[in-house]
Amino acid sequence: MVVGVLKIALILPENHSLKGKRSVLRKIQARVSNKFNISVTECGDQELWQRALLGFGVVGSNARIVEATLRQVVEFVDRLGLAELGESDIRILHE
């Protein structure tokens, strides 16, 4: 079993409230979940209006496929244009 974890930092410079931030994050989460069928959650910076940290999780049997899926998620989130992409970090865990 291979577990892939992705963390993406997002910057929301046009945002001025937590309500606006939640709206943007819900759109990103829904679109990623629908397209890739993976787990996604906000995992940091919850109290900040203009920053967010999203975590994504994938389980599979092939490390290359899991890593490729997570790289596609990064590209997809960037192409959505709903937030500026900050740092991203992919970790692959083997069991």
C-alpha atoms as a PDB file:
ATOM      1  CA  MET A   1       0.000   0.000   0.000  1.00  0.00           C
ATOM      2  CA  VAL A   2       1.211   3.494  -0.878  1.00  0.00           C
ATOM      3  CA  VAL A   3      -0.137   6.660   0.748  1.00  0.00           C
ATOM      4  CA  GLY A   4       0.420  10.053  -0.849  1.00  0.00           C
ATOM      5  CA  VAL A   5      -0.028  13.294   1.050  1.00  0.00           C
ATOM      6  CA  LEU A   6      -0.002  16.738  -0.531  1.00  0.00           C
ATOM      7  CA  LYS A   7      -0.020  20.087   1.258  1.00  0.00           C
ATOM      8  CA  ILE A   8      -0.697  23.249  -0.744  1.00  0.00           C
ATOM      9  CA  ALA A   9      -0.406  26.766   0.626  1.00  0.00           C
ATOM     10  CA  LEU A  10      -2.831  29.183  -1.015  1.00  0.00           C
ATOM     11  CA  ILE A  11      -2.810  32.963  -1.031  1.00  0.00           C
ATOM     12  CA  LEU A  12      -6.127  34.807  -1.342  1.00  0.00           C
ATOM     13  CA  PRO A  13      -5.063  38.466  -1.799  1.00  0.00           C
ATOM     14  CA  GLU A  14      -8.516  39.732  -2.836  1.00  0.00           C
ATOM     15  CA  ASN A  15     -10.245  38.151   0.151  1.00  0.00           C
ATOM     16  CA  HIS A  16     -11.398  40.278   3.104  1.00  0.00           C
ATOM     17  CA  SER A  17     -13.327  37.867   5.336  1.00  0.00           C
ATOM     18  CA  LEU A  18     -13.392  34.302   6.592  1.00  0.00           C
ATOM     19  CA  LYS A  19     -16.740  33.852   4.845  1.00  0.00           C
ATOM     20  CA  GLY A  20     -15.156  34.739   1.494  1.00  0.00           C
ATOM     21  CA  LYS A  21     -12.243  32.419   2.200  1.00  0.00           C
ATOM     22  CA  ARG A  22     -14.574  29.514   3.001  1.00  0.00           C
ATOM     23  CA  SER A  23     -16.435  30.096  -0.256  1.00  0.00           C
ATOM     24  CA  VAL A  24     -13.244  29.880  -2.321  1.00  0.00           C
ATOM     25  CA  LEU A  25     -11.997  26.809  -0.435  1.00  0.00           C
ATOM     26  CA  ARG A  26     -15.327  24.994  -0.837  1.00  0.00           C
ATOM     27  CA  LYS A  27     -15.140  25.524  -4.610  1.00  0.00           C
ATOM     28  CA  ILE A  28     -11.567  24.211  -4.766  1.00  0.00           C
ATOM     29  CA  GLN A  29     -12.351  21.229  -2.531  1.00  0.00           C
ATOM     30  CA  ALA A  30     -15.449  20.256  -4.501  1.00  0.00           C
ATOM     31  CA  ARG A  31     -13.761  20.505  -7.890  1.00  0.00           C
ATOM     32  CA  VAL A  32     -10.698  18.526  -6.803  1.00  0.00           C
ATOM     33  CA  SER A  33     -12.823  15.846  -5.109  1.00  0.00           C
ATOM     34  CA  ASN A  34     -15.044  15.491  -8.175  1.00  0.00           C
ATOM     35  CA  LYS A  35     -12.202  15.336 -10.685  1.00  0.00           C
ATOM     36  CA  PHE A  36      -9.721  13.145  -8.784  1.00  0.00           C
ATOM     37  CA  ASN A  37     -11.888  11.346  -6.186  1.00  0.00           C
ATOM     38  CA  ILE A  38      -9.394  12.064  -3.396  1.00  0.00           C
ATOM     39  CA  SER A  39      -9.656  13.342   0.171  1.00  0.00           C
ATOM     40  CA  VAL A  40      -9.150  17.061   0.772  1.00  0.00           C
ATOM     41  CA  THR A  41      -9.425  19.257   3.863  1.00  0.00           C
ATOM     42  CA  GLU A  42      -8.289  22.597   5.209  1.00  0.00           C
ATOM     43  CA  CYS A  43      -5.437  21.757   7.568  1.00  0.00           C
ATOM     44  CA  GLY A  44      -3.954  25.080   8.626  1.00  0.00           C
ATOM     45  CA  ASP A  45      -4.233  28.865   8.687  1.00  0.00           C
ATOM     46  CA  GLN A  46      -7.950  28.615   9.508  1.00  0.00           C
ATOM     47  CA  GLU A  47      -7.984  31.958  11.293  1.00  0.00           C
ATOM     48  CA  LEU A  48      -6.279  33.914   8.479  1.00  0.00           C
ATOM     49  CA  TRP A  49      -8.387  35.596   5.790  1.00  0.00           C
ATOM     50  CA  GLN A  50      -5.861  35.676   2.989  1.00  0.00           C
ATOM     51  CA  ARG A  51      -3.991  32.396   3.459  1.00  0.00           C
ATOM     52  CA  ALA A  52      -5.045  28.770   3.489  1.00  0.00           C
ATOM     53  CA  LEU A  53      -3.377  25.402   3.796  1.00  0.00           C
ATOM     54  CA  LEU A  54      -5.108  22.468   2.102  1.00  0.00           C
ATOM     55  CA  GLY A  55      -4.214  18.823   2.608  1.00  0.00           C
ATOM     56  CA  PHE A  56      -4.917  16.052   0.095  1.00  0.00           C
ATOM     57  CA  GLY A  57      -4.652  12.294   0.560  1.00  0.00           C
ATOM     58  CA  VAL A  58      -4.446   9.427  -1.936  1.00  0.00           C
ATOM     59  CA  VAL A  59      -4.060   5.690  -1.343  1.00  0.00           C
ATOM     60  CA  GLY A  60      -2.925   3.326  -4.074  1.00  0.00           C
ATOM     61  CA  SER A  61      -0.733   0.385  -4.941  1.00  0.00           C
ATOM     62  CA  ASN A  62       1.785   2.157  -7.200  1.00  0.00           C
ATOM     63  CA  ALA A  63       3.965   5.018  -5.917  1.00  0.00           C
ATOM     64  CA  ARG A  64       4.441   6.540  -9.376  1.00  0.00           C
ATOM     65  CA  ILE A  65       0.700   6.738 -10.000  1.00  0.00           C
ATOM     66  CA  VAL A  66       0.020   8.227  -6.557  1.00  0.00           C
ATOM     67  CA  GLU A  67       2.735  10.860  -7.020  1.00  0.00           C
ATOM     68  CA  ALA A  68       1.570  11.673 -10.560  1.00  0.00           C
ATOM     69  CA  THR A  69      -1.996  12.126  -9.297  1.00  0.00           C
ATOM     70  CA  LEU A  70      -0.856  14.568  -6.627  1.00  0.00           C
ATOM     71  CA  ARG A  71       1.215  16.542  -9.157  1.00  0.00           C
ATOM     72  CA  GLN A  72      -1.875  16.755 -11.367  1.00  0.00           C
ATOM     73  CA  VAL A  73      -3.830  18.102  -8.386  1.00  0.00           C
ATOM     74  CA  VAL A  74      -1.271  20.898  -7.930  1.00  0.00           C
ATOM     75  CA  GLU A  75      -1.537  21.834 -11.611  1.00  0.00           C
ATOM     76  CA  PHE A  76      -5.347  21.641 -11.512  1.00  0.00           C
ATOM     77  CA  VAL A  77      -5.630  23.912  -8.453  1.00  0.00           C
ATOM     78  CA  ASP A  78      -3.263  26.393 -10.087  1.00  0.00           C
ATOM     79  CA  ARG A  79      -5.286  26.399 -13.337  1.00  0.00           C
ATOM     80  CA  LEU A  80      -8.547  27.021 -11.461  1.00  0.00           C
ATOM     81  CA  GLY A  81      -7.345  30.562 -10.795  1.00  0.00           C
ATOM     82  CA  LEU A  82      -9.385  30.873  -7.591  1.00  0.00           C
ATOM     83  CA  ALA A  83      -6.290  31.484  -5.440  1.00  0.00           C
ATOM     84  CA  GLU A  84      -2.584  32.047  -5.897  1.00  0.00           C
ATOM     85  CA  LEU A  85      -0.527  28.918  -5.423  1.00  0.00           C
ATOM     86  CA  GLY A  86       2.105  29.078  -2.704  1.00  0.00           C
ATOM     87  CA  GLU A  87       4.379  26.231  -1.659  1.00  0.00           C
ATOM     88  CA  SER A  88       3.386  22.638  -2.242  1.00  0.00           C
ATOM     89  CA  ASP A  89       4.833  19.530  -0.625  1.00  0.00           C
ATOM     90  CA  ILE A  90       4.292  15.919  -1.673  1.00  0.00           C
ATOM     91  CA  ARG A  91       5.130  13.023   0.616  1.00  0.00           C
ATOM     92  CA  ILE A  92       4.887   9.360  -0.366  1.00  0.00           C
ATOM     93  CA  LEU A  93       4.642   6.763   2.395  1.00  0.00           C
ATOM     94  CA  HIS A  94       5.202   3.063   1.699  1.00  0.00           C
ATOM     95  CA  GLU A  95       3.895   0.271   3.876  1.00  0.00           C
END
